[in-house]
Structure formats: C-alpha cells, structure tokens
C-alpha atoms as a PDB file:
ATOM      1  CA  MET A   1       0.000   0.000   0.000  1.00  0.00           C
ATOM      2  CA  ARG A   2       1.214   3.526  -0.780  1.00  0.00           C
ATOM      3  CA  VAL A   3       0.240   6.756   0.938  1.00  0.00           C
ATOM      4  CA  TYR A   4       0.820  10.252  -0.460  1.00  0.00           C
ATOM      5  CA  LEU A   5       0.120  13.735   0.916  1.00  0.00           C
ATOM      6  CA  ASN A   6      -0.186  16.601  -1.577  1.00  0.00           C
ATOM      7  CA  ALA A   7      -0.821  20.298  -1.071  1.00  0.00           C
ATOM      8  CA  ALA A   8      -3.974  21.352  -2.937  1.00  0.00           C
ATOM      9  CA  THR A   9      -6.147  24.388  -3.622  1.00  0.00           C
ATOM     10  CA  TRP A  10      -9.832  23.852  -4.356  1.00  0.00           C
ATOM     11  CA  GLU A  11     -12.023  26.360  -6.162  1.00  0.00           C
ATOM     12  CA  PRO A  12     -15.566  24.914  -5.895  1.00  0.00           C
ATOM     13  CA  ASN A  13     -17.348  24.303  -9.206  1.00  0.00           C
ATOM     14  CA  ALA A  14     -14.133  25.189 -11.030  1.00  0.00           C
ATOM     15  CA  ARG A  15     -10.933  23.242 -10.396  1.00  0.00           C
ATOM     16  CA  LEU A  16      -8.681  21.430  -7.993  1.00  0.00           C
ATOM     17  CA  THR A  17      -4.992  22.323  -8.202  1.00  0.00           C
ATOM     18  CA  THR A  18      -2.592  19.821  -6.615  1.00  0.00           C
ATOM     19  CA  ASN A  19       1.150  19.758  -6.067  1.00  0.00           C
ATOM     20  CA  ASN A  20       1.822  16.133  -6.916  1.00  0.00           C
ATOM     21  CA  THR A  21       5.476  16.335  -5.920  1.00  0.00           C
ATOM     22  CA  GLY A  22       4.321  15.688  -2.352  1.00  0.00           C
ATOM     23  CA  LYS A  23       6.030  18.866  -1.149  1.00  0.00           C
ATOM     24  CA  TRP A  24       4.124  21.337   0.982  1.00  0.00           C
ATOM     25  CA  LYS A  25       5.626  24.559  -0.366  1.00  0.00           C
ATOM     26  CA  MET A  26       4.400  25.996  -3.668  1.00  0.00           C
ATOM     27  CA  LYS A  27       5.035  29.139  -5.682  1.00  0.00           C
ATOM     28  CA  ALA A  28       2.467  31.329  -7.396  1.00  0.00           C
ATOM     29  CA  GLY A  29       2.652  32.147 -11.087  1.00  0.00           C
ATOM     30  CA  GLU A  30       2.178  30.030 -14.160  1.00  0.00           C
ATOM     31  CA  PHE A  31      -1.474  29.037 -14.212  1.00  0.00           C
ATOM     32  CA  GLY A  32      -3.072  32.452 -13.792  1.00  0.00           C
ATOM     33  CA  ARG A  33      -5.073  33.874 -10.936  1.00  0.00           C
ATOM     34  CA  VAL A  34      -6.772  31.714  -8.362  1.00  0.00           C
ATOM     35  CA  SER A  35     -10.391  32.604  -7.717  1.00  0.00           C
ATOM     36  CA  LYS A  36     -11.103  34.617  -4.587  1.00  0.00           C
ATOM     37  CA  GLU A  37     -13.307  31.678  -3.567  1.00  0.00           C
ATOM     38  CA  ASN A  38     -10.629  29.117  -2.765  1.00  0.00           C
ATOM     39  CA  ILE A  39      -9.505  26.990   0.148  1.00  0.00           C
ATOM     40  CA  GLU A  40      -6.151  25.289   0.732  1.00  0.00           C
ATOM     41  CA  LEU A  41      -6.467  21.582   1.524  1.00  0.00           C
ATOM     42  CA  ALA A  42      -4.339  18.482   2.005  1.00  0.00           C
ATOM     43  CA  GLN A  43      -4.936  15.732  -0.548  1.00  0.00           C
ATOM     44  CA  LEU A  44      -4.385  12.316   1.048  1.00  0.00           C
ATOM     45  CA  VAL A  45      -4.073   9.570  -1.563  1.00  0.00           C
ATOM     46  CA  VAL A  46      -4.041   5.858  -0.697  1.00  0.00           C
ATOM     47  CA  GLU A  47      -3.154   3.345  -3.413  1.00  0.00           C
ATOM     48  CA  ASN A  48      -3.531  -0.415  -3.353  1.00  0.00           C
ATOM     49  CA  PRO A  49      -0.959  -1.895  -5.774  1.00  0.00           C
ATOM     50  CA  GLY A  50      -1.589  -5.441  -4.511  1.00  0.00           C
ATOM     51  CA  ARG A  51      -3.861  -8.222  -5.723  1.00  0.00           C
ATOM     52  CA  THR A  52      -6.071  -8.279  -2.624  1.00  0.00           C
ATOM     53  CA  ALA A  53      -8.661  -5.701  -1.641  1.00  0.00           C
ATOM     54  CA  ILE A  54      -7.985  -3.763   1.560  1.00  0.00           C
ATOM     55  CA  THR A  55     -10.085  -1.661   3.903  1.00  0.00           C
ATOM     56  CA  VAL A  56      -8.640   1.579   5.234  1.00  0.00           C
ATOM     57  CA  HIS A  57      -9.948   3.811   7.978  1.00  0.00           C
ATOM     58  CA  ARG A  58      -9.063   6.878  10.041  1.00  0.00           C
ATOM     59  CA  PRO A  59      -7.587   9.062   7.285  1.00  0.00           C
ATOM     60  CA  SER A  60      -5.646  11.628   9.258  1.00  0.00           C
ATOM     61  CA  LEU A  61      -2.593  13.814   9.691  1.00  0.00           C
ATOM     62  CA  ALA A  62       0.319  12.541  11.769  1.00  0.00           C
ATOM     63  CA  ILE A  63       1.691  15.574  13.623  1.00  0.00           C
ATOM     64  CA  SER A  64       4.989  15.676  15.471  1.00  0.00           C
ATOM     65  CA  THR A  65       7.407  18.194  16.971  1.00  0.00           C
ATOM     66  CA  ARG A  66      10.899  17.711  18.269  1.00  0.00           C
ATOM     67  CA  GLY A  67      11.010  16.402  21.800  1.00  0.00           C
ATOM     68  CA  LYS A  68       7.341  15.421  21.996  1.00  0.00           C
ATOM     69  CA  LYS A  69       5.363  12.301  21.201  1.00  0.00           C
ATOM     70  CA  GLY A  70       3.520  12.445  17.901  1.00  0.00           C
ATOM     71  CA  TYR A  71      -0.249  12.224  17.546  1.00  0.00           C
ATOM     72  CA  PHE A  72      -2.961  11.942  14.890  1.00  0.00           C
ATOM     73  CA  VAL A  73      -5.619  14.464  13.938  1.00  0.00           C
ATOM     74  CA  THR A  74      -8.552  13.954  11.572  1.00  0.00           C
ATOM     75  CA  PRO A  75      -9.790  17.357  10.389  1.00  0.00           C
ATOM     76  CA  ARG A  76     -12.934  18.117   8.421  1.00  0.00           C
ATOM     77  CA  MET A  77     -13.049  16.426   5.020  1.00  0.00           C
ATOM     78  CA  PHE A  78     -14.556  17.562   1.727  1.00  0.00           C
ATOM     79  CA  LYS A  79     -16.436  15.357  -0.710  1.00  0.00           C
ATOM     80  CA  LEU A  80     -15.745  16.040  -4.402  1.00  0.00           C
ATOM     81  CA  GLU A  81     -17.627  14.383  -7.244  1.00  0.00           C
ATOM     82  CA  ASN A  82     -16.829  14.345 -10.968  1.00  0.00           C
ATOM     83  CA  TYR A  83     -13.148  15.264 -10.604  1.00  0.00           C
ATOM     84  CA  GLY A  84     -11.796  12.179 -12.380  1.00  0.00           C
ATOM     85  CA  SER A  85      -9.080  10.360 -10.438  1.00  0.00           C
ATOM     86  CA  ASP A  86      -9.065  13.222  -7.924  1.00  0.00           C
ATOM     87  CA  THR A  87     -12.679  12.643  -6.924  1.00  0.00           C
ATOM     88  CA  ALA A  88     -12.625  12.622  -3.115  1.00  0.00           C
ATOM     89  CA  THR A  89     -14.685  10.808  -0.518  1.00  0.00           C
ATOM     90  CA  ALA A  90     -15.617  12.005   2.953  1.00  0.00           C
ATOM     91  CA  GLU A  91     -16.189   8.463   4.232  1.00  0.00           C
ATOM     92  CA  THR A  92     -13.891   7.370   7.065  1.00  0.00           C
ATOM     93  CA  VAL A  93     -13.958   3.648   6.239  1.00  0.00           C
ATOM     94  CA  VAL A  94     -13.261   2.740   2.603  1.00  0.00           C
ATOM     95  CA  ARG A  95     -12.621  -0.513   0.750  1.00  0.00           C
ATOM     96  CA  ILE A  96      -9.961  -0.254  -1.973  1.00  0.00           C
ATOM     97  CA  ASP A  97      -9.958  -2.858  -4.736  1.00  0.00           C
ATOM     98  CA  PRO A  98      -6.712  -4.224  -6.208  1.00  0.00           C
ATOM     99  CA  TYR A  99      -4.837  -1.679  -8.331  1.00  0.00           C
ATOM    100  CA  ASP A 100      -7.229   1.068  -7.265  1.00  0.00           C
ATOM    101  CA  ARG A 101      -6.932   4.126  -5.048  1.00  0.00           C
ATOM    102  CA  VAL A 102      -8.973   6.457  -2.863  1.00  0.00           C
ATOM    103  CA  THR A 103      -8.558  10.184  -2.278  1.00  0.00           C
ATOM    104  CA  PHE A 104      -9.431  12.276   0.774  1.00  0.00           C
ATOM    105  CA  LEU A 105      -9.357  16.084   1.016  1.00  0.00           C
ATOM    106  CA  LEU A 106      -8.505  17.298   4.507  1.00  0.00           C
ATOM    107  CA  ASP A 107      -9.028  20.821   5.836  1.00  0.00           C
ATOM    108  CA  TYR A 108      -5.591  20.903   7.435  1.00  0.00           C
ATOM    109  CA  TRP A 109      -5.428  24.632   8.195  1.00  0.00           C
ATOM    110  CA  SER A 110      -8.450  24.319  10.473  1.00  0.00           C
ATOM    111  CA  VAL A 111      -6.293  22.263  12.863  1.00  0.00           C
ATOM    112  CA  ILE A 112      -2.776  23.464  12.021  1.00  0.00           C
ATOM    113  CA  HIS A 113      -3.475  27.047  13.122  1.00  0.00           C
ATOM    114  CA  SER A 114      -3.916  26.062  16.755  1.00  0.00           C
ATOM    115  CA  LYS A 115      -1.052  23.563  16.636  1.00  0.00           C
ATOM    116  CA  LEU A 116       1.310  26.284  15.429  1.00  0.00           C
ATOM    117  CA  ASP A 117       0.084  28.739  18.059  1.00  0.00           C
ATOM    118  CA  ASN A 118       0.578  26.236  20.879  1.00  0.00           C
ATOM    119  CA  SER A 119       3.889  24.803  19.702  1.00  0.00           C
ATOM    120  CA  GLN A 120       7.086  25.710  21.532  1.00  0.00           C
ATOM    121  CA  ASN A 121       9.111  24.608  18.512  1.00  0.00           C
ATOM    122  CA  LYS A 122       9.978  26.543  15.380  1.00  0.00           C
ATOM    123  CA  ARG A 123       7.930  24.181  13.221  1.00  0.00           C
ATOM    124  CA  ILE A 124       5.616  21.187  13.211  1.00  0.00           C
ATOM    125  CA  ASN A 125       6.004  18.123  11.016  1.00  0.00           C
ATOM    126  CA  VAL A 126       3.023  16.697   9.151  1.00  0.00           C
ATOM    127  CA  ARG A 127       2.578  13.400   7.284  1.00  0.00           C
ATOM    128  CA  GLY A 128      -0.477  11.721   5.836  1.00  0.00           C
ATOM    129  CA  SER A 129      -1.670   8.649   7.714  1.00  0.00           C
ATOM    130  CA  VAL A 130      -4.243   5.881   7.409  1.00  0.00           C
ATOM    131  CA  LEU A 131      -5.034   2.665   9.275  1.00  0.00           C
ATOM    132  CA  VAL A 132      -5.471  -0.623   7.444  1.00  0.00           C
ATOM    133  CA  ALA A 133      -7.964  -3.164   8.728  1.00  0.00           C
ATOM    134  CA  GLY A 134      -6.193  -6.132  10.266  1.00  0.00           C
ATOM    135  CA  ARG A 135      -2.938  -4.274  10.806  1.00  0.00           C
ATOM    136  CA  LYS A 136      -1.800  -2.724  14.052  1.00  0.00           C
ATOM    137  CA  HIS A 137       0.335   0.184  12.905  1.00  0.00           C
ATOM    138  CA  PRO A 138      -0.704   3.089  10.664  1.00  0.00           C
ATOM    139  CA  ARG A 139       0.758   3.610   7.220  1.00  0.00           C
ATOM    140  CA  ARG A 140       2.123   7.072   6.500  1.00  0.00           C
ATOM    141  CA  SER A 141       3.308   9.152   3.585  1.00  0.00           C
ATOM    142  CA  PRO A 142       7.089   9.036   2.963  1.00  0.00           C
ATOM    143  CA  ARG A 143       9.252  10.506   5.712  1.00  0.00           C
ATOM    144  CA  ARG A 144      11.402  12.306   3.135  1.00  0.00           C
ATOM    145  CA  LEU A 145       8.281  14.229   2.039  1.00  0.00           C
ATOM    146  CA  THR A 146       7.277  15.316   5.525  1.00  0.00           C
ATOM    147  CA  TRP A 147       5.626  18.732   5.510  1.00  0.00           C
ATOM    148  CA  LYS A 148       7.760  20.983   7.689  1.00  0.00           C
ATOM    149  CA  ILE A 149       5.449  23.867   8.490  1.00  0.00           C
ATOM    150  CA  PRO A 150       7.116  26.809  10.287  1.00  0.00           C
ATOM    151  CA  LYS A 151       5.447  28.472  13.236  1.00  0.00           C
ATOM    152  CA  GLU A 152       4.757  31.707  11.361  1.00  0.00           C
ATOM    153  CA  ALA A 153       3.185  29.972   8.322  1.00  0.00           C
ATOM    154  CA  TRP A 154      -0.327  30.777   7.113  1.00  0.00           C
ATOM    155  CA  THR A 155      -0.240  29.543   3.489  1.00  0.00           C
ATOM    156  CA  ALA A 156       1.600  26.931   1.433  1.00  0.00           C
ATOM    157  CA  TYR A 157       2.454  29.572  -1.207  1.00  0.00           C
ATOM    158  CA  THR A 158       5.970  30.789  -0.464  1.00  0.00           C
ATOM    159  CA  ASP A 159       5.775  33.987  -2.517  1.00  0.00           C
ATOM    160  CA  VAL A 160       2.293  35.170  -1.524  1.00  0.00           C
ATOM    161  CA  ARG A 161       2.465  38.093   0.867  1.00  0.00           C
ATOM    162  CA  ILE A 162      -1.184  38.995   1.465  1.00  0.00           C
ATOM    163  CA  LEU A 163      -4.542  37.276   1.671  1.00  0.00           C
ATOM    164  CA  SER A 164      -7.854  38.895   0.809  1.00  0.00           C
ATOM    165  CA  PRO A 165     -10.192  39.456   3.781  1.00  0.00           C
ATOM    166  CA  PHE A 166     -12.969  38.183   1.508  1.00  0.00           C
ATOM    167  CA  THR A 167     -11.159  34.884   0.981  1.00  0.00           C
ATOM    168  CA  VAL A 168     -10.558  34.482   4.708  1.00  0.00           C
ATOM    169  CA  MET A 169     -14.260  35.011   5.416  1.00  0.00           C
ATOM    170  CA  TRP A 170     -15.489  32.964   2.442  1.00  0.00           C
ATOM    171  CA  ARG A 171     -13.497  29.952   3.633  1.00  0.00           C
ATOM    172  CA  GLU A 172     -15.656  29.842   6.755  1.00  0.00           C
ATOM    173  CA  ILE A 173     -18.730  29.572   4.525  1.00  0.00           C
ATOM    174  CA  CYS A 174     -17.002  26.800   2.601  1.00  0.00           C
ATOM    175  CA  ARG A 175     -16.178  24.896   5.778  1.00  0.00           C
ATOM    176  CA  SER A 176     -19.698  25.071   7.158  1.00  0.00           C
ATOM    177  CA  HIS A 177     -21.611  24.383   3.923  1.00  0.00           C
ATOM    178  CA  LEU A 178     -19.376  22.206   1.740  1.00  0.00           C
ATOM    179  CA  GLY A 179     -17.584  20.058   4.308  1.00  0.00           C
ATOM    180  CA  GLY A 180     -18.542  16.553   5.414  1.00  0.00           C
ATOM    181  CA  LYS A 181     -20.314  13.598   3.834  1.00  0.00           C
ATOM    182  CA  SER A 182     -23.407  15.548   2.746  1.00  0.00           C
ATOM    183  CA  PRO A 183     -22.460  19.070   1.630  1.00  0.00           C
ATOM    184  CA  ASN A 184     -25.340  21.563   1.404  1.00  0.00           C
ATOM    185  CA  ARG A 185     -27.446  19.126   3.439  1.00  0.00           C
ATOM    186  CA  ASN A 186     -29.600  22.017   4.698  1.00  0.00           C
ATOM    187  CA  GLU A 187     -31.950  22.516   1.766  1.00  0.00           C
ATOM    188  CA  THR A 188     -33.358  25.737   3.242  1.00  0.00           C
ATOM    189  CA  SER A 189     -29.960  27.437   3.167  1.00  0.00           C
ATOM    190  CA  PRO A 190     -29.035  29.444   0.052  1.00  0.00           C
ATOM    191  CA  PRO A 191     -26.345  27.950  -2.225  1.00  0.00           C
ATOM    192  CA  VAL A 192     -22.750  28.871  -1.434  1.00  0.00           C
ATOM    193  CA  SER A 193     -22.564  30.936  -4.629  1.00  0.00           C
ATOM    194  CA  VAL A 194     -25.427  33.100  -3.348  1.00  0.00           C
ATOM    195  CA  LEU A 195     -23.915  33.389   0.124  1.00  0.00           C
ATOM    196  CA  SER A 196     -20.667  34.501  -1.509  1.00  0.00           C
ATOM    197  CA  GLY A 197     -22.470  37.296  -3.339  1.00  0.00           C
ATOM    198  CA  VAL A 198     -24.252  38.477  -0.211  1.00  0.00           C
ATOM    199  CA  LEU A 199     -20.994  38.391   1.744  1.00  0.00           C
ATOM    200  CA  PHE A 200     -19.153  40.472  -0.831  1.00  0.00           C
ATOM    201  CA  GLU A 201     -21.912  43.058  -1.182  1.00  0.00           C
ATOM    202  CA  ALA A 202     -22.058  43.407   2.607  1.00  0.00           C
ATOM    203  CA  MET A 203     -18.290  43.932   2.725  1.00  0.00           C
ATOM    204  CA  ARG A 204     -18.478  46.629   0.036  1.00  0.00           C
ATOM    205  CA  LYS A 205     -20.612  48.796   2.294  1.00  0.00           C
ATOM    206  CA  PHE A 206     -17.490  49.589   4.352  1.00  0.00           C
ATOM    207  CA  GLU A 207     -14.131  51.066   3.376  1.00  0.00           C
ATOM    208  CA  GLU A 208     -12.405  49.173   6.155  1.00  0.00           C
ATOM    209  CA  ARG A 209     -13.220  46.375   8.551  1.00  0.00           C
ATOM    210  CA  PRO A 210     -16.376  47.286  10.484  1.00  0.00           C
ATOM    211  CA  THR A 211     -17.397  46.165  13.933  1.00  0.00           C
ATOM    212  CA  GLN A 212     -18.982  42.752  13.960  1.00  0.00           C
ATOM    213  CA  GLU A 213     -22.318  44.280  14.969  1.00  0.00           C
ATOM    214  CA  ASP A 214     -22.279  46.671  11.997  1.00  0.00           C
ATOM    215  CA  PHE A 215     -21.254  43.890   9.652  1.00  0.00           C
ATOM    216  CA  ARG A 216     -24.061  41.634  10.832  1.00  0.00           C
ATOM    217  CA  SER A 217     -26.513  44.460  10.155  1.00  0.00           C
ATOM    218  CA  ALA A 218     -25.118  44.864   6.643  1.00  0.00           C
ATOM    219  CA  ILE A 219     -25.499  41.133   6.009  1.00  0.00           C
ATOM    220  CA  LYS A 220     -29.143  41.302   7.062  1.00  0.00           C
ATOM    221  CA  GLU A 221     -29.757  44.298   4.801  1.00  0.00           C
ATOM    222  CA  VAL A 222     -28.156  42.725   1.710  1.00  0.00           C
ATOM    223  CA  ALA A 223     -29.803  39.351   2.317  1.00  0.00           C
ATOM    224  CA  ALA A 224     -33.192  41.089   2.391  1.00  0.00           C
ATOM    225  CA  GLU A 225     -32.398  42.741  -0.950  1.00  0.00           C
ATOM    226  CA  TRP A 226     -31.443  39.354  -2.413  1.00  0.00           C
ATOM    227  CA  LYS A 227     -34.510  37.753  -0.793  1.00  0.00           C
ATOM    228  CA  VAL A 228     -32.528  35.017   0.968  1.00  0.00           C
ATOM    229  CA  SER A 229     -31.998  34.063   4.600  1.00  0.00           C
ATOM    230  CA  HIS A 230     -29.352  36.053   6.436  1.00  0.00           C
ATOM    231  CA  LEU A 231     -28.935  33.457   9.184  1.00  0.00           C
ATOM    232  CA  PRO A 232     -26.183  31.274   7.617  1.00  0.00           C
ATOM    233  CA  LEU A 233     -23.869  34.269   7.205  1.00  0.00           C
ATOM    234  CA  GLN A 234     -24.738  35.821  10.537  1.00  0.00           C
ATOM    235  CA  ILE A 235     -24.018  32.550  12.316  1.00  0.00           C
ATOM    236  CA  ALA A 236     -20.717  32.188  10.431  1.00  0.00           C
ATOM    237  CA  SER A 237     -19.722  35.807  11.126  1.00  0.00           C
ATOM    238  CA  PHE A 238     -18.269  34.867  14.521  1.00  0.00           C
ATOM    239  CA  ARG A 239     -15.859  32.410  12.920  1.00  0.00           C
ATOM    240  CA  MET A 240     -15.163  34.875  10.123  1.00  0.00           C
ATOM    241  CA  TYR A 241     -13.973  37.506  12.563  1.00  0.00           C
ATOM    242  CA  GLU A 242     -11.877  34.972  14.462  1.00  0.00           C
ATOM    243  CA  ALA A 243     -10.234  34.030  11.159  1.00  0.00           C
ATOM    244  CA  LEU A 244      -9.577  37.692  10.332  1.00  0.00           C
ATOM    245  CA  ASP A 245      -7.911  38.127  13.713  1.00  0.00           C
ATOM    246  CA  TRP A 246      -5.727  35.077  13.188  1.00  0.00           C
ATOM    247  CA  ASN A 247      -4.604  36.343   9.750  1.00  0.00           C
ATOM    248  CA  ARG A 248      -4.390  40.021  10.742  1.00  0.00           C
ATOM    249  CA  GLU A 249      -0.659  40.285   9.902  1.00  0.00           C
ATOM    250  CA  ASN A 250      -1.195  39.034   6.343  1.00  0.00           C
ATOM    251  CA  LEU A 251      -4.431  40.674   5.205  1.00  0.00           C
ATOM    252  CA  GLY A 252      -4.767  42.731   2.059  1.00  0.00           C
ATOM    253  CA  PRO A 253      -7.083  45.749   1.685  1.00  0.00           C
ATOM    254  CA  TRP A 254     -10.756  45.532   2.560  1.00  0.00           C
ATOM    255  CA  PRO A 255     -12.546  44.817  -0.781  1.00  0.00           C
ATOM    256  CA  HIS A 256     -14.919  47.781  -0.979  1.00  0.00           C
ATOM    257  CA  GLU A 257     -14.290  48.863  -4.568  1.00  0.00           C
ATOM    258  CA  SER A 258     -14.471  45.912  -6.956  1.00  0.00           C
ATOM    259  CA  ALA A 259     -14.299  42.165  -7.305  1.00  0.00           C
ATOM    260  CA  ASP A 260     -10.615  42.492  -8.254  1.00  0.00           C
ATOM    261  CA  SER A 261      -9.802  43.790  -4.798  1.00  0.00           C
ATOM    262  CA  ALA A 262     -11.148  40.539  -3.374  1.00  0.00           C
ATOM    263  CA  SER A 263      -8.918  38.360  -5.540  1.00  0.00           C
ATOM    264  CA  VAL A 264      -5.813  36.698  -4.187  1.00  0.00           C
ATOM    265  CA  ASN A 265      -2.790  34.781  -5.310  1.00  0.00           C
ATOM    266  CA  GLU A 266      -1.890  33.169  -8.567  1.00  0.00           C
ATOM    267  CA  ALA A 267      -1.898  29.444  -9.150  1.00  0.00           C
ATOM    268  CA  PRO A 268       1.440  27.730  -8.467  1.00  0.00           C
ATOM    269  CA  PRO A 269       3.770  26.600 -11.249  1.00  0.00           C
ATOM    270  CA  GLY A 270       4.820  22.981 -11.560  1.00  0.00           C
ATOM    271  CA  VAL A 271       1.510  21.737 -10.240  1.00  0.00           C
ATOM    272  CA  ILE A 272      -1.375  19.856 -11.782  1.00  0.00           C
ATOM    273  CA  GLU A 273      -4.726  21.465 -12.430  1.00  0.00           C
ATOM    274  CA  VAL A 274      -7.768  19.229 -12.572  1.00  0.00           C
ATOM    275  CA  ASP A 275     -10.795  20.830 -14.184  1.00  0.00           C
ATOM    276  CA  ARG A 276     -14.180  19.537 -13.164  1.00  0.00           C
ATOM    277  CA  ASP A 277     -15.616  17.040 -15.652  1.00  0.00           C
END
C-alpha cells in the first residue's frame, strides 16, 4: 500500500490544483489567478498496488514536533464528485480494490493554526496517515516528504504576501456548507454561490473592517435585498472575525471597490490542475 500527501487548492465548481510532488511549499505564477473563492487543503491519496482488496480507515494527519510524542488528527473532510481520479470521498472507512486508489481532502489549516500557536518549537512536522484493517500500525506518507510547516506559516504559497479578507471570510462559509459527507445538506440554506455574493456586497458597504455588529446588520440588509436568509452568514460571522484576527498580519485591503480587490494569489507553477468534468 502507498500513501501520499499533496498540497492542494480547491475552487468549488471550477478546479482542484494539486502539487503532486508531495512537497508542501508551492510558488504562485504560471497558471493564472486563483479565484477569490478558494480553500487550501491536504490531498491524502491511498493506493492499493496489490492483488487483494484492503479496507482503510481513520484518514488523518500525523503531527509531530521535536522532543514530543507524535499524535494523529482527523480534520474536516470535503467530498468532491466528478473530478476524475481526484474525486474525493468524505467516508472514514473505505474498501480499496486491487490496483485502485482512494482520495481524501482534509481541511488541514483548520487544525494546524492552533497547533502552530501552541507549539514551543519553530515548526511542526506533518505526514499523511491511514489505518489498514487487520494491521496494528498506521501507514504514512514518505518521511522524506514530511511537511515541515514553520510556526509563522499561514499559506503553502511561499511567494504570496497577502490574503484577501474576503477569501478568509469565504473559507468559513465553505467549511460550514461544503464540508462533510453531505455538503449543502440544509436545503433551506441558500447555495454557497449566493452566500458569496451576499458576503461580498455586505463587505463593500465599508471602506475598512467594520465592527462585527455593523457587519451583521449589513449582512441582514443585503440578504433582504437578495430575498434570501441572512442566518447562515450571521451565524458564520463569529468564525469569520476569528479568522480575520488570526490572519491580521497578512491581510490585504478591505474589498470595498471591486471584485478584483477581493482576488488573491496566482496558481502555483509545476503543479497539476484538474478541471471539473
């Protein structure tokens, strides 16, 4: 059995960009601009090159720091359909047929942030991990491809200096509405594309970051204009503001003028883009 961990950027309903070298660090450039609606993920790939089917469970990240015992964390997963060989499951127990593979997409930043904050070391080490039914010890991605994430890190892109406040806040919508086995399971909630539009129009009412109370009022006002429920965004606004605080040293300008001001990054060179089928 083979296990790989790749850095990835997902733009829902558009493309999944993966760094299939297995390295964590990437550079922006060759493939044009990444949509403002993107989230960085870890792609965990498990291959079965043998002649017997296997069952794997507990897809996770093996985290270690110097001088301390390692541990495993299973963050939120995203289910992707119709992405060819990069189609991802959010199931935690999966049977893999001979010469087949399974892919998981893990929201690693949702757990790495706190690990970096609480670490006394200059970095944390991350490897992909999975358990195989009938075997005692986990199988991990190659040690030589361990992700060495420094304490001050906030993105896998080495030459990106700022992150759009819109992207930071949109990622919280993505986590709450697109994560798990049944994304968009609440049929009464507006689609993510609509929530994105309401979020951006609410942000444009201010030239700089408003108080959370004022922002929640703006969300309610715009949602009424769009004739959709304001509750999903208002509930997520608490996490949005926590995320803004965590990224405060790396934020770009508040996007009050145009959609361009909400855009971030460029896609990394030397990586593979997978367009949705």
